[in-house]
Amino acid sequence: MAIPYMENAIRSVHKSLDQIIETAEGLSEDIIRKKPSEEEWSIMQILCHVLEVGPYWMGEIEKIKKNPQIKWGRGLNDEARLEAVNTTDSRSVSEVLAGLRSLKTELAGRLEKLDEDTLQIEAESKNPNFGTKPVSFIVDHLIVEHIAKHYGQINRNLSKFHINQ
């Protein structure tokens, strides 16, 4: 059984993923693949990024747990991050939505295994803006809030297409 802190994180992640999935299921493939502008991601790119981001950060947590001296994180030009958004044309919407449904279960299983001791481990980020942070920061900001922010990004895209959710 997960500690209360992780139970709240799991609930939040599930809520955001459910909102993302429900919203995307109600859209045409044209809208999902349309970019609001050349600089912005399409909803499909957002979905593919969300599919990649949870497992990435859980992997970073596992690395920190094994060796708190490592530097964690990545930049905007990280290869895996870019690949997730640059390969969307070769992926089907149904495949990505199925992946997001599976991600709910995967993340819950991995998050519920985190204990208080792990959450308090501090490690230095590769991003100088973050500095040294505890694992709980990664859970709160780079998993829970990150996924929720992408739900907001999807809604901003839809408002640019004059679609209300």
C-alpha atoms as a PDB file:
ATOM      1  CA  MET A   1       0.000   0.000   0.000  1.00  0.00           C
ATOM      2  CA  ALA A   2       1.298   3.438  -0.938  1.00  0.00           C
ATOM      3  CA  ILE A   3       2.027   6.119   1.617  1.00  0.00           C
ATOM      4  CA  PRO A   4      -0.617   8.916   1.669  1.00  0.00           C
ATOM      5  CA  TYR A   5       1.696  11.323  -0.182  1.00  0.00           C
ATOM      6  CA  MET A   6       2.029   8.864  -3.055  1.00  0.00           C
ATOM      7  CA  GLU A   7      -1.684   8.026  -2.993  1.00  0.00           C
ATOM      8  CA  ASN A   8      -2.370  11.723  -3.662  1.00  0.00           C
ATOM      9  CA  ALA A   9       0.225  11.802  -6.455  1.00  0.00           C
ATOM     10  CA  ILE A  10      -1.286   8.707  -8.067  1.00  0.00           C
ATOM     11  CA  ARG A  11      -4.805  10.189  -7.854  1.00  0.00           C
ATOM     12  CA  SER A  12      -3.583  13.412  -9.464  1.00  0.00           C
ATOM     13  CA  VAL A  13      -1.773  11.597 -12.272  1.00  0.00           C
ATOM     14  CA  HIS A  14      -4.828   9.414 -12.914  1.00  0.00           C
ATOM     15  CA  LYS A  15      -7.105  12.463 -13.029  1.00  0.00           C
ATOM     16  CA  SER A  16      -4.869  14.269 -15.536  1.00  0.00           C
ATOM     17  CA  LEU A  17      -4.410  11.184 -17.712  1.00  0.00           C
ATOM     18  CA  ASP A  18      -8.160  10.497 -17.650  1.00  0.00           C
ATOM     19  CA  GLN A  19      -8.839  14.100 -18.710  1.00  0.00           C
ATOM     20  CA  ILE A  20      -6.263  13.877 -21.501  1.00  0.00           C
ATOM     21  CA  ILE A  21      -7.607  10.555 -22.777  1.00  0.00           C
ATOM     22  CA  GLU A  22     -11.263  11.620 -22.562  1.00  0.00           C
ATOM     23  CA  THR A  23     -10.541  14.874 -24.391  1.00  0.00           C
ATOM     24  CA  ALA A  24      -8.520  13.204 -27.144  1.00  0.00           C
ATOM     25  CA  GLU A  25     -11.105  10.454 -27.645  1.00  0.00           C
ATOM     26  CA  GLY A  26     -13.692  13.127 -28.475  1.00  0.00           C
ATOM     27  CA  LEU A  27     -11.593  14.740 -31.218  1.00  0.00           C
ATOM     28  CA  SER A  28     -11.141  14.026 -34.892  1.00  0.00           C
ATOM     29  CA  GLU A  29      -7.747  12.807 -36.037  1.00  0.00           C
ATOM     30  CA  ASP A  30      -7.367  16.006 -38.084  1.00  0.00           C
ATOM     31  CA  ILE A  31      -7.664  18.157 -34.965  1.00  0.00           C
ATOM     32  CA  ILE A  32      -5.362  15.852 -32.971  1.00  0.00           C
ATOM     33  CA  ARG A  33      -2.650  16.124 -35.620  1.00  0.00           C
ATOM     34  CA  LYS A  34      -3.088  19.839 -36.417  1.00  0.00           C
ATOM     35  CA  LYS A  35      -0.537  22.286 -35.027  1.00  0.00           C
ATOM     36  CA  PRO A  36      -1.882  25.643 -33.814  1.00  0.00           C
ATOM     37  CA  SER A  37       1.293  27.236 -35.212  1.00  0.00           C
ATOM     38  CA  GLU A  38       4.648  26.125 -36.570  1.00  0.00           C
ATOM     39  CA  GLU A  39       6.291  26.587 -33.150  1.00  0.00           C
ATOM     40  CA  GLU A  40       3.622  24.768 -31.116  1.00  0.00           C
ATOM     41  CA  TRP A  41       3.067  21.063 -30.651  1.00  0.00           C
ATOM     42  CA  SER A  42       0.020  19.324 -32.043  1.00  0.00           C
ATOM     43  CA  ILE A  43      -2.177  17.440 -29.597  1.00  0.00           C
ATOM     44  CA  MET A  44      -0.675  14.230 -30.986  1.00  0.00           C
ATOM     45  CA  GLN A  45       2.810  15.478 -30.140  1.00  0.00           C
ATOM     46  CA  ILE A  46       1.625  16.354 -26.634  1.00  0.00           C
ATOM     47  CA  LEU A  47       0.099  12.885 -26.227  1.00  0.00           C
ATOM     48  CA  CYS A  48       3.318  11.206 -27.364  1.00  0.00           C
ATOM     49  CA  HIS A  49       5.375  13.371 -25.017  1.00  0.00           C
ATOM     50  CA  VAL A  50       3.124  12.541 -22.053  1.00  0.00           C
ATOM     51  CA  LEU A  51       3.471   8.863 -22.934  1.00  0.00           C
ATOM     52  CA  GLU A  52       7.254   9.215 -22.699  1.00  0.00           C
ATOM     53  CA  VAL A  53       7.623  11.648 -19.789  1.00  0.00           C
ATOM     54  CA  GLY A  54       6.320   9.533 -16.895  1.00  0.00           C
ATOM     55  CA  PRO A  55       8.571   6.534 -17.568  1.00  0.00           C
ATOM     56  CA  TYR A  56      11.533   8.866 -18.167  1.00  0.00           C
ATOM     57  CA  TRP A  57      11.220  10.580 -14.774  1.00  0.00           C
ATOM     58  CA  MET A  58      10.549   7.310 -12.967  1.00  0.00           C
ATOM     59  CA  GLY A  59      13.777   6.029 -14.511  1.00  0.00           C
ATOM     60  CA  GLU A  60      15.598   9.082 -13.187  1.00  0.00           C
ATOM     61  CA  ILE A  61      14.181   8.413  -9.710  1.00  0.00           C
ATOM     62  CA  GLU A  62      15.421   4.827  -9.868  1.00  0.00           C
ATOM     63  CA  LYS A  63      18.901   6.048 -10.866  1.00  0.00           C
ATOM     64  CA  ILE A  64      18.962   8.494  -7.944  1.00  0.00           C
ATOM     65  CA  LYS A  65      17.833   5.761  -5.572  1.00  0.00           C
ATOM     66  CA  LYS A  66      20.792   3.623  -6.663  1.00  0.00           C
ATOM     67  CA  ASN A  67      23.281   6.499  -6.680  1.00  0.00           C
ATOM     68  CA  PRO A  68      22.310   9.870  -5.130  1.00  0.00           C
ATOM     69  CA  GLN A  69      25.568  11.376  -6.465  1.00  0.00           C
ATOM     70  CA  ILE A  70      24.412  11.260 -10.101  1.00  0.00           C
ATOM     71  CA  LYS A  71      23.011  14.341 -11.785  1.00  0.00           C
ATOM     72  CA  TRP A  72      19.438  13.889 -12.928  1.00  0.00           C
ATOM     73  CA  GLY A  73      17.311  15.462 -15.632  1.00  0.00           C
ATOM     74  CA  ARG A  74      17.510  16.568 -19.214  1.00  0.00           C
ATOM     75  CA  GLY A  75      17.174  19.598 -21.422  1.00  0.00           C
ATOM     76  CA  LEU A  76      14.635  20.553 -24.062  1.00  0.00           C
ATOM     77  CA  ASN A  77      16.866  19.033 -26.739  1.00  0.00           C
ATOM     78  CA  ASP A  78      17.056  15.594 -25.137  1.00  0.00           C
ATOM     79  CA  GLU A  79      17.079  12.892 -27.811  1.00  0.00           C
ATOM     80  CA  ALA A  80      14.303  10.739 -26.299  1.00  0.00           C
ATOM     81  CA  ARG A  81      12.091  13.782 -25.700  1.00  0.00           C
ATOM     82  CA  LEU A  82      12.527  14.970 -29.272  1.00  0.00           C
ATOM     83  CA  GLU A  83      12.020  11.492 -30.701  1.00  0.00           C
ATOM     84  CA  ALA A  84       8.708  11.181 -28.865  1.00  0.00           C
ATOM     85  CA  VAL A  85       7.345  14.309 -30.546  1.00  0.00           C
ATOM     86  CA  ASN A  86       9.083  13.886 -33.911  1.00  0.00           C
ATOM     87  CA  THR A  87       7.791  10.377 -34.645  1.00  0.00           C
ATOM     88  CA  THR A  88       4.091  11.126 -34.259  1.00  0.00           C
ATOM     89  CA  ASP A  89       3.352  10.716 -37.970  1.00  0.00           C
ATOM     90  CA  SER A  90       4.247   7.031 -37.758  1.00  0.00           C
ATOM     91  CA  ARG A  91       1.966   6.382 -34.786  1.00  0.00           C
ATOM     92  CA  SER A  92      -1.774   5.870 -34.701  1.00  0.00           C
ATOM     93  CA  VAL A  93      -3.970   7.838 -32.337  1.00  0.00           C
ATOM     94  CA  SER A  94      -5.524   4.620 -31.022  1.00  0.00           C
ATOM     95  CA  GLU A  95      -2.067   3.178 -30.249  1.00  0.00           C
ATOM     96  CA  VAL A  96      -1.053   6.278 -28.314  1.00  0.00           C
ATOM     97  CA  LEU A  97      -4.335   6.411 -26.382  1.00  0.00           C
ATOM     98  CA  ALA A  98      -3.937   2.731 -25.484  1.00  0.00           C
ATOM     99  CA  GLY A  99      -0.419   3.541 -24.305  1.00  0.00           C
ATOM    100  CA  LEU A 100      -1.741   6.357 -22.113  1.00  0.00           C
ATOM    101  CA  ARG A 101      -4.280   3.969 -20.545  1.00  0.00           C
ATOM    102  CA  SER A 102      -1.455   1.526 -19.792  1.00  0.00           C
ATOM    103  CA  LEU A 103       0.672   4.375 -18.457  1.00  0.00           C
ATOM    104  CA  LYS A 104      -1.896   4.988 -15.709  1.00  0.00           C
ATOM    105  CA  THR A 105      -1.347   1.477 -14.386  1.00  0.00           C
ATOM    106  CA  GLU A 106       2.417   1.549 -14.920  1.00  0.00           C
ATOM    107  CA  LEU A 107       2.921   4.871 -13.138  1.00  0.00           C
ATOM    108  CA  ALA A 108       0.662   3.880 -10.254  1.00  0.00           C
ATOM    109  CA  GLY A 109       2.640   0.685  -9.754  1.00  0.00           C
ATOM    110  CA  ARG A 110       5.955   2.487  -9.793  1.00  0.00           C
ATOM    111  CA  LEU A 111       4.832   5.462  -7.684  1.00  0.00           C
ATOM    112  CA  GLU A 112       3.252   3.334  -4.975  1.00  0.00           C
ATOM    113  CA  LYS A 113       6.623   1.668  -4.373  1.00  0.00           C
ATOM    114  CA  LEU A 114       8.250   4.962  -3.375  1.00  0.00           C
ATOM    115  CA  ASP A 115       8.688   5.391   0.365  1.00  0.00           C
ATOM    116  CA  GLU A 116       9.459   8.377   2.589  1.00  0.00           C
ATOM    117  CA  ASP A 117      13.188   7.638   2.586  1.00  0.00           C
ATOM    118  CA  THR A 118      13.342   7.627  -1.213  1.00  0.00           C
ATOM    119  CA  LEU A 119      11.294  10.833  -1.480  1.00  0.00           C
ATOM    120  CA  GLN A 120      13.783  12.628   0.765  1.00  0.00           C
ATOM    121  CA  ILE A 121      16.916  11.646  -1.179  1.00  0.00           C
ATOM    122  CA  GLU A 122      18.491  14.809  -2.577  1.00  0.00           C
ATOM    123  CA  ALA A 123      20.419  14.899  -5.836  1.00  0.00           C
ATOM    124  CA  GLU A 124      21.710  17.602  -8.141  1.00  0.00           C
ATOM    125  CA  SER A 125      19.899  18.379 -11.361  1.00  0.00           C
ATOM    126  CA  LYS A 126      21.641  18.858 -14.691  1.00  0.00           C
ATOM    127  CA  ASN A 127      19.423  21.943 -14.968  1.00  0.00           C
ATOM    128  CA  PRO A 128      21.085  24.749 -12.974  1.00  0.00           C
ATOM    129  CA  ASN A 129      17.660  26.346 -12.404  1.00  0.00           C
ATOM    130  CA  PHE A 130      16.658  23.373 -10.238  1.00  0.00           C
ATOM    131  CA  GLY A 131      19.888  22.896  -8.295  1.00  0.00           C
ATOM    132  CA  THR A 132      19.767  20.137  -5.687  1.00  0.00           C
ATOM    133  CA  LYS A 133      16.272  18.805  -5.045  1.00  0.00           C
ATOM    134  CA  PRO A 134      14.684  15.859  -3.251  1.00  0.00           C
ATOM    135  CA  VAL A 135      13.038  13.044  -5.212  1.00  0.00           C
ATOM    136  CA  SER A 136       9.672  14.421  -4.041  1.00  0.00           C
ATOM    137  CA  PHE A 137      10.347  17.442  -6.298  1.00  0.00           C
ATOM    138  CA  ILE A 138      10.595  15.141  -9.314  1.00  0.00           C
ATOM    139  CA  VAL A 139       7.315  13.460  -8.363  1.00  0.00           C
ATOM    140  CA  ASP A 140       5.487  16.747  -7.708  1.00  0.00           C
ATOM    141  CA  HIS A 141       6.803  18.941 -10.495  1.00  0.00           C
ATOM    142  CA  LEU A 142       8.095  16.692 -13.234  1.00  0.00           C
ATOM    143  CA  ILE A 143       5.440  13.985 -13.121  1.00  0.00           C
ATOM    144  CA  VAL A 144       2.237  15.200 -11.407  1.00  0.00           C
ATOM    145  CA  GLU A 145       2.291  18.886 -12.419  1.00  0.00           C
ATOM    146  CA  HIS A 146       3.984  18.198 -15.748  1.00  0.00           C
ATOM    147  CA  ILE A 147       1.199  15.891 -16.929  1.00  0.00           C
ATOM    148  CA  ALA A 148      -1.475  18.290 -15.640  1.00  0.00           C
ATOM    149  CA  LYS A 149       0.167  21.176 -17.522  1.00  0.00           C
ATOM    150  CA  HIS A 150       0.018  19.200 -20.738  1.00  0.00           C
ATOM    151  CA  TYR A 151      -3.733  18.761 -20.251  1.00  0.00           C
ATOM    152  CA  GLY A 152      -3.891  22.554 -20.059  1.00  0.00           C
ATOM    153  CA  GLN A 153      -1.773  22.776 -23.218  1.00  0.00           C
ATOM    154  CA  ILE A 154      -4.244  20.526 -25.042  1.00  0.00           C
ATOM    155  CA  ASN A 155      -7.084  22.830 -24.008  1.00  0.00           C
ATOM    156  CA  ARG A 156      -5.142  25.895 -25.188  1.00  0.00           C
ATOM    157  CA  ASN A 157      -4.678  24.218 -28.568  1.00  0.00           C
ATOM    158  CA  LEU A 158      -8.400  23.498 -28.744  1.00  0.00           C
ATOM    159  CA  SER A 159      -9.273  27.098 -27.897  1.00  0.00           C
ATOM    160  CA  LYS A 160      -7.080  28.231 -30.813  1.00  0.00           C
ATOM    161  CA  PHE A 161      -9.157  25.940 -33.032  1.00  0.00           C
ATOM    162  CA  HIS A 162     -12.319  27.400 -31.389  1.00  0.00           C
ATOM    163  CA  ILE A 163     -13.207  24.089 -29.797  1.00  0.00           C
ATOM    164  CA  ASN A 164     -14.433  24.245 -26.194  1.00  0.00           C
ATOM    165  CA  GLN A 165     -13.918  21.341 -23.822  1.00  0.00           C
END
